[in-house]
N, C-alpha and C. Protein backbone atom coordinates (compact mmCIF):
# COMPACT_ATOMS: atom_id res chain seq x y z
N MET A 1 0.81 -1.22 0.00
CA MET A 1 0.00 0.00 0.00
C MET A 1 0.84 1.27 0.00
N GLY A 2 2.15 1.14 0.03
CA GLY A 2 2.99 2.32 0.10
C GLY A 2 2.76 3.01 1.43
N ASN A 3 2.77 4.33 1.45
CA ASN A 3 2.59 5.01 2.73
C ASN A 3 1.21 5.66 2.82
N LYS A 4 0.31 5.25 1.95
CA LYS A 4 -1.05 5.76 2.03
C LYS A 4 -1.68 5.23 3.32
N MET A 5 -2.25 6.13 4.10
CA MET A 5 -2.86 5.69 5.33
C MET A 5 -4.12 4.91 5.03
N VAL A 6 -4.32 3.83 5.75
CA VAL A 6 -5.53 3.03 5.61
C VAL A 6 -6.71 3.89 6.06
N SER A 7 -7.80 3.88 5.28
CA SER A 7 -8.96 4.66 5.69
C SER A 7 -10.01 3.77 6.34
N VAL A 8 -10.48 4.24 7.48
CA VAL A 8 -11.44 3.49 8.28
C VAL A 8 -12.70 4.34 8.41
N LEU A 9 -13.85 3.74 8.12
CA LEU A 9 -15.12 4.44 8.34
C LEU A 9 -15.77 3.81 9.57
N VAL A 10 -16.10 4.65 10.56
CA VAL A 10 -16.73 4.17 11.78
C VAL A 10 -18.18 4.64 11.77
N ILE A 11 -19.12 3.69 11.88
CA ILE A 11 -20.55 4.02 11.83
C ILE A 11 -21.18 3.62 13.16
N ASP A 12 -21.68 4.60 13.90
CA ASP A 12 -22.31 4.33 15.19
C ASP A 12 -23.23 5.49 15.52
N ASP A 13 -24.39 5.21 16.10
CA ASP A 13 -25.32 6.29 16.43
C ASP A 13 -24.92 7.01 17.72
N ASN A 14 -23.91 6.49 18.42
CA ASN A 14 -23.48 7.12 19.66
C ASN A 14 -22.31 8.08 19.38
N ALA A 15 -22.60 9.37 19.45
CA ALA A 15 -21.60 10.40 19.09
C ALA A 15 -20.38 10.36 20.00
N ILE A 16 -20.59 10.04 21.28
CA ILE A 16 -19.47 10.01 22.22
C ILE A 16 -18.53 8.85 21.86
N LEU A 17 -19.11 7.70 21.58
CA LEU A 17 -18.31 6.55 21.19
C LEU A 17 -17.55 6.86 19.89
N LEU A 18 -18.24 7.50 18.95
CA LEU A 18 -17.60 7.85 17.68
C LEU A 18 -16.37 8.72 17.90
N ARG A 19 -16.53 9.75 18.72
CA ARG A 19 -15.40 10.65 18.98
C ARG A 19 -14.25 9.90 19.63
N THR A 20 -14.57 9.05 20.60
CA THR A 20 -13.55 8.28 21.31
C THR A 20 -12.80 7.36 20.35
N VAL A 21 -13.55 6.64 19.52
CA VAL A 21 -12.95 5.71 18.57
C VAL A 21 -12.09 6.47 17.56
N LYS A 22 -12.60 7.61 17.10
CA LYS A 22 -11.85 8.41 16.13
C LYS A 22 -10.52 8.85 16.74
N GLU A 23 -10.58 9.33 17.99
CA GLU A 23 -9.34 9.75 18.67
C GLU A 23 -8.37 8.59 18.82
N MET A 24 -8.90 7.42 19.20
CA MET A 24 -8.04 6.25 19.40
C MET A 24 -7.36 5.82 18.11
N LEU A 25 -8.10 5.90 17.00
CA LEU A 25 -7.59 5.33 15.76
C LEU A 25 -6.87 6.32 14.85
N SER A 26 -7.07 7.62 15.06
CA SER A 26 -6.53 8.55 14.07
C SER A 26 -5.01 8.65 14.07
N THR A 27 -4.34 8.12 15.10
CA THR A 27 -2.88 8.09 15.02
C THR A 27 -2.42 7.03 14.02
N ASN A 28 -3.20 5.97 13.85
CA ASN A 28 -2.84 4.87 12.96
C ASN A 28 -3.50 4.93 11.59
N TYR A 29 -4.71 5.52 11.55
CA TYR A 29 -5.51 5.45 10.32
C TYR A 29 -6.13 6.79 9.97
N ASN A 30 -6.61 6.86 8.73
CA ASN A 30 -7.37 8.01 8.29
C ASN A 30 -8.84 7.68 8.60
N VAL A 31 -9.42 8.32 9.63
CA VAL A 31 -10.73 7.92 10.15
C VAL A 31 -11.84 8.88 9.73
N SER A 32 -12.91 8.33 9.18
CA SER A 32 -14.15 9.09 8.93
C SER A 32 -15.22 8.52 9.84
N ILE A 33 -16.19 9.36 10.19
CA ILE A 33 -17.25 8.87 11.06
C ILE A 33 -18.62 9.19 10.47
N ALA A 34 -19.60 8.36 10.83
CA ALA A 34 -20.98 8.56 10.40
C ALA A 34 -21.89 8.08 11.51
N THR A 35 -23.00 8.81 11.72
CA THR A 35 -23.91 8.42 12.80
C THR A 35 -25.13 7.66 12.30
N SER A 36 -25.23 7.46 10.98
CA SER A 36 -26.39 6.75 10.45
C SER A 36 -26.03 6.10 9.12
N CYS A 37 -26.91 5.26 8.64
CA CYS A 37 -26.75 4.61 7.34
C CYS A 37 -26.63 5.67 6.24
N THR A 38 -27.50 6.67 6.29
CA THR A 38 -27.49 7.74 5.28
C THR A 38 -26.15 8.45 5.23
N GLN A 39 -25.68 8.85 6.41
CA GLN A 39 -24.37 9.52 6.50
C GLN A 39 -23.25 8.61 6.02
N ALA A 40 -23.35 7.35 6.37
CA ALA A 40 -22.31 6.39 5.99
C ALA A 40 -22.20 6.31 4.47
N PHE A 41 -23.34 6.19 3.79
CA PHE A 41 -23.30 6.06 2.33
C PHE A 41 -22.89 7.38 1.66
N ALA A 42 -23.19 8.50 2.30
CA ALA A 42 -22.72 9.79 1.78
C ALA A 42 -21.19 9.83 1.87
N ALA A 43 -20.64 9.34 2.98
CA ALA A 43 -19.18 9.30 3.17
C ALA A 43 -18.54 8.35 2.16
N ILE A 44 -19.19 7.21 1.92
CA ILE A 44 -18.67 6.21 0.98
C ILE A 44 -18.65 6.76 -0.44
N GLU A 45 -19.67 7.57 -0.79
CA GLU A 45 -19.70 8.18 -2.13
C GLU A 45 -18.45 9.02 -2.36
N LYS A 46 -17.99 9.70 -1.30
CA LYS A 46 -16.82 10.57 -1.42
C LYS A 46 -15.52 9.79 -1.42
N ASN A 47 -15.47 8.78 -0.57
CA ASN A 47 -14.22 8.04 -0.40
C ASN A 47 -14.53 6.63 0.09
N ILE A 48 -14.21 5.64 -0.74
CA ILE A 48 -14.48 4.26 -0.33
C ILE A 48 -13.43 3.85 0.69
N PRO A 49 -13.87 3.49 1.90
CA PRO A 49 -12.90 3.15 2.95
C PRO A 49 -12.27 1.78 2.71
N ASP A 50 -11.13 1.55 3.36
CA ASP A 50 -10.47 0.25 3.28
C ASP A 50 -11.15 -0.75 4.20
N ILE A 51 -11.76 -0.24 5.26
CA ILE A 51 -12.42 -1.11 6.24
C ILE A 51 -13.49 -0.29 6.97
N ILE A 52 -14.54 -0.98 7.42
CA ILE A 52 -15.65 -0.30 8.12
C ILE A 52 -15.84 -0.94 9.49
N LEU A 53 -15.95 -0.08 10.51
CA LEU A 53 -16.35 -0.52 11.85
C LEU A 53 -17.80 -0.10 12.00
N LEU A 54 -18.67 -1.05 12.24
CA LEU A 54 -20.10 -0.80 12.16
C LEU A 54 -20.83 -1.22 13.42
N ASP A 55 -21.60 -0.32 13.99
CA ASP A 55 -22.40 -0.63 15.16
C ASP A 55 -23.54 -1.56 14.75
N TYR A 56 -23.69 -2.67 15.48
CA TYR A 56 -24.74 -3.63 15.13
C TYR A 56 -26.12 -3.12 15.55
N GLU A 57 -26.20 -2.48 16.73
CA GLU A 57 -27.50 -2.00 17.22
C GLU A 57 -27.66 -0.51 16.99
N MET A 58 -28.37 -0.15 15.92
CA MET A 58 -28.62 1.27 15.65
C MET A 58 -30.10 1.46 15.36
N PRO A 59 -30.64 2.66 15.62
CA PRO A 59 -32.04 2.91 15.30
C PRO A 59 -32.26 3.01 13.79
N ILE A 60 -33.48 2.92 13.35
CA ILE A 60 -33.90 3.02 11.95
C ILE A 60 -33.28 1.91 11.12
N ILE A 61 -32.05 2.10 10.65
CA ILE A 61 -31.40 1.03 9.90
C ILE A 61 -30.25 0.53 10.75
N ASP A 62 -30.33 -0.71 11.20
CA ASP A 62 -29.29 -1.24 12.08
C ASP A 62 -28.09 -1.74 11.28
N GLY A 63 -27.13 -2.27 11.99
CA GLY A 63 -25.90 -2.74 11.36
C GLY A 63 -26.16 -3.78 10.29
N GLU A 64 -27.13 -4.65 10.55
CA GLU A 64 -27.47 -5.67 9.56
C GLU A 64 -27.94 -5.02 8.27
N GLY A 65 -28.81 -4.01 8.39
CA GLY A 65 -29.33 -3.30 7.22
C GLY A 65 -28.22 -2.62 6.43
N VAL A 66 -27.27 -2.03 7.15
CA VAL A 66 -26.15 -1.36 6.49
C VAL A 66 -25.28 -2.40 5.77
N LEU A 67 -24.99 -3.51 6.46
CA LEU A 67 -24.15 -4.54 5.86
C LEU A 67 -24.78 -5.12 4.60
N VAL A 68 -26.09 -5.38 4.66
CA VAL A 68 -26.80 -5.91 3.49
C VAL A 68 -26.64 -4.95 2.31
N ARG A 69 -26.82 -3.65 2.56
CA ARG A 69 -26.67 -2.66 1.48
C ARG A 69 -25.25 -2.61 0.93
N LEU A 70 -24.29 -2.70 1.84
CA LEU A 70 -22.88 -2.69 1.39
C LEU A 70 -22.61 -3.88 0.48
N ARG A 71 -23.14 -5.05 0.88
CA ARG A 71 -22.89 -6.28 0.12
C ARG A 71 -23.62 -6.30 -1.22
N GLU A 72 -24.68 -5.48 -1.35
CA GLU A 72 -25.46 -5.45 -2.60
C GLU A 72 -24.78 -4.61 -3.67
N ARG A 73 -23.90 -3.72 -3.26
CA ARG A 73 -23.29 -2.78 -4.21
C ARG A 73 -21.93 -3.29 -4.68
N SER A 74 -21.70 -3.21 -5.98
CA SER A 74 -20.43 -3.72 -6.52
C SER A 74 -19.24 -2.91 -6.02
N ASP A 75 -19.45 -1.61 -5.74
CA ASP A 75 -18.31 -0.78 -5.31
C ASP A 75 -17.98 -0.93 -3.83
N THR A 76 -18.88 -1.56 -3.06
CA THR A 76 -18.62 -1.67 -1.62
C THR A 76 -18.62 -3.11 -1.11
N LYS A 77 -18.99 -4.07 -1.95
CA LYS A 77 -19.14 -5.43 -1.40
C LYS A 77 -17.83 -6.07 -0.94
N HIS A 78 -16.70 -5.53 -1.42
CA HIS A 78 -15.40 -6.09 -1.03
C HIS A 78 -14.88 -5.51 0.29
N ILE A 79 -15.51 -4.44 0.80
CA ILE A 79 -14.97 -3.76 1.99
C ILE A 79 -15.18 -4.64 3.22
N PRO A 80 -14.11 -4.94 3.95
CA PRO A 80 -14.29 -5.72 5.18
C PRO A 80 -15.05 -4.91 6.23
N VAL A 81 -15.93 -5.60 6.96
CA VAL A 81 -16.75 -4.95 7.98
C VAL A 81 -16.53 -5.65 9.32
N ILE A 82 -16.23 -4.85 10.33
CA ILE A 82 -16.13 -5.36 11.70
C ILE A 82 -17.28 -4.75 12.49
N PHE A 83 -18.09 -5.60 13.11
CA PHE A 83 -19.22 -5.10 13.90
C PHE A 83 -18.77 -4.70 15.30
N PHE A 84 -19.42 -3.66 15.81
CA PHE A 84 -19.34 -3.30 17.23
C PHE A 84 -20.64 -3.80 17.83
N THR A 85 -20.60 -4.38 19.00
CA THR A 85 -21.84 -4.66 19.68
C THR A 85 -21.68 -4.38 21.16
N GLY A 86 -22.73 -3.86 21.75
CA GLY A 86 -22.72 -3.59 23.19
C GLY A 86 -23.18 -4.82 23.94
N SER A 87 -23.55 -5.87 23.20
CA SER A 87 -24.15 -7.03 23.82
C SER A 87 -23.27 -8.27 23.68
N ALA A 88 -23.02 -8.93 24.80
CA ALA A 88 -22.27 -10.18 24.75
C ALA A 88 -23.27 -11.34 24.73
N ASP A 89 -24.56 -11.01 24.60
CA ASP A 89 -25.63 -12.01 24.59
C ASP A 89 -25.41 -13.01 23.45
N ARG A 90 -25.53 -14.28 23.77
CA ARG A 90 -25.23 -15.30 22.76
C ARG A 90 -26.10 -15.20 21.53
N ASP A 91 -27.40 -14.91 21.73
CA ASP A 91 -28.30 -14.81 20.57
C ASP A 91 -27.88 -13.67 19.65
N VAL A 92 -27.52 -12.55 20.25
CA VAL A 92 -27.10 -11.39 19.45
C VAL A 92 -25.83 -11.73 18.68
N VAL A 93 -24.86 -12.31 19.37
CA VAL A 93 -23.59 -12.65 18.73
C VAL A 93 -23.81 -13.68 17.62
N THR A 94 -24.70 -14.65 17.86
CA THR A 94 -25.00 -15.67 16.84
C THR A 94 -25.61 -15.03 15.60
N ARG A 95 -26.57 -14.12 15.81
CA ARG A 95 -27.21 -13.43 14.67
C ARG A 95 -26.19 -12.58 13.91
N LEU A 96 -25.36 -11.92 14.67
CA LEU A 96 -24.34 -11.05 14.10
C LEU A 96 -23.36 -11.89 13.25
N LEU A 97 -22.91 -13.02 13.79
CA LEU A 97 -21.96 -13.86 13.06
C LEU A 97 -22.58 -14.52 11.84
N ALA A 98 -23.89 -14.72 11.88
CA ALA A 98 -24.59 -15.31 10.73
C ALA A 98 -24.51 -14.39 9.51
N LEU A 99 -24.25 -13.11 9.75
CA LEU A 99 -24.16 -12.14 8.64
C LEU A 99 -22.77 -12.16 7.99
N ASN A 100 -21.90 -13.01 8.51
CA ASN A 100 -20.53 -13.12 7.98
C ASN A 100 -19.73 -11.83 7.97
N PRO A 101 -19.70 -11.11 9.09
CA PRO A 101 -18.82 -9.93 9.11
C PRO A 101 -17.38 -10.43 9.15
N ASP A 102 -16.44 -9.53 9.02
CA ASP A 102 -15.04 -9.94 9.06
C ASP A 102 -14.53 -10.03 10.49
N GLY A 103 -15.39 -9.66 11.42
CA GLY A 103 -15.04 -9.77 12.83
C GLY A 103 -16.02 -8.95 13.65
N TYR A 104 -15.88 -9.03 14.97
CA TYR A 104 -16.70 -8.16 15.81
C TYR A 104 -15.94 -7.82 17.07
N LEU A 105 -16.31 -6.68 17.65
CA LEU A 105 -15.68 -6.17 18.87
C LEU A 105 -16.77 -5.81 19.86
N LEU A 106 -16.56 -6.12 21.12
CA LEU A 106 -17.52 -5.70 22.14
C LEU A 106 -17.21 -4.27 22.54
N LYS A 107 -18.28 -3.51 22.81
CA LYS A 107 -18.11 -2.13 23.26
C LYS A 107 -17.94 -2.10 24.77
N PRO A 108 -17.25 -1.13 25.31
CA PRO A 108 -16.43 -0.18 24.57
C PRO A 108 -15.11 -0.84 24.18
N PRO A 109 -14.69 -0.69 22.94
CA PRO A 109 -13.48 -1.37 22.50
C PRO A 109 -12.23 -0.63 22.95
N SER A 110 -11.18 -1.37 23.23
CA SER A 110 -9.91 -0.71 23.56
C SER A 110 -9.17 -0.44 22.26
N LYS A 111 -8.29 0.53 22.29
CA LYS A 111 -7.50 0.86 21.10
C LYS A 111 -6.72 -0.38 20.64
N GLU A 112 -6.11 -1.08 21.59
CA GLU A 112 -5.30 -2.25 21.24
C GLU A 112 -6.13 -3.29 20.50
N LYS A 113 -7.32 -3.57 21.04
CA LYS A 113 -8.19 -4.57 20.41
C LYS A 113 -8.62 -4.15 19.01
N MET A 114 -8.98 -2.86 18.86
CA MET A 114 -9.42 -2.38 17.55
C MET A 114 -8.30 -2.46 16.52
N VAL A 115 -7.12 -1.96 16.90
CA VAL A 115 -6.00 -1.97 15.97
C VAL A 115 -5.62 -3.41 15.61
N ALA A 116 -5.59 -4.29 16.60
CA ALA A 116 -5.24 -5.69 16.35
C ALA A 116 -6.23 -6.31 15.38
N LYS A 117 -7.52 -6.05 15.59
CA LYS A 117 -8.57 -6.63 14.73
C LYS A 117 -8.48 -6.06 13.31
N ILE A 118 -8.29 -4.74 13.20
CA ILE A 118 -8.19 -4.10 11.88
C ILE A 118 -6.99 -4.67 11.12
N GLU A 119 -5.84 -4.75 11.80
CA GLU A 119 -4.63 -5.27 11.14
C GLU A 119 -4.81 -6.71 10.70
N LYS A 120 -5.46 -7.51 11.55
CA LYS A 120 -5.68 -8.92 11.25
C LYS A 120 -6.57 -9.05 10.01
N VAL A 121 -7.66 -8.29 9.99
CA VAL A 121 -8.59 -8.35 8.85
C VAL A 121 -7.92 -7.86 7.56
N LEU A 122 -7.21 -6.75 7.65
CA LEU A 122 -6.58 -6.19 6.45
C LEU A 122 -5.45 -7.06 5.91
N SER A 123 -4.81 -7.84 6.81
CA SER A 123 -3.73 -8.69 6.32
C SER A 123 -4.30 -10.00 5.77
N GLY A 124 -5.63 -10.15 5.86
CA GLY A 124 -6.29 -11.31 5.28
C GLY A 124 -6.12 -12.59 6.06
N GLU A 125 -5.83 -12.45 7.35
CA GLU A 125 -5.67 -13.67 8.18
C GLU A 125 -7.00 -14.27 8.55
C-alpha cells in the first residue's frame, strides 16, 4: 500500500463513542465517522474506505441493514466490515456472526483490540 494511510469508516449512532474511537484510531488510520446509514453512504460516495467498523444495534437502519446494502453494491461489497456490539448475549452474537462480518468487537473497544482486529482483517488472516 505504500505510505497511504488506511482509511477506516466508523458508523455508530453514539456520538461520544464515535469521537472516542476516532481519537483512538486517528494516530494509525485516516478515520471518517458517520452516525447513520445515510451519513455512511454519503461518506462512501466521497471516499471508499479500506475497512468499516459498524455498530450492530442502531435505530432506523441497524448494522445488519447497512451490511446488506454494502454487500449489494459492486463498489462496496469487497470492503471488510467489523461489527461493534454492546451485547455479549449469545443470541445477538450468533445473529451477528450469521451475517458473515469480518469480525466483531464488544463495546467499549480498547484501542489495542481495535488496531489488532483491523490489522488482522486487512492482512487477510
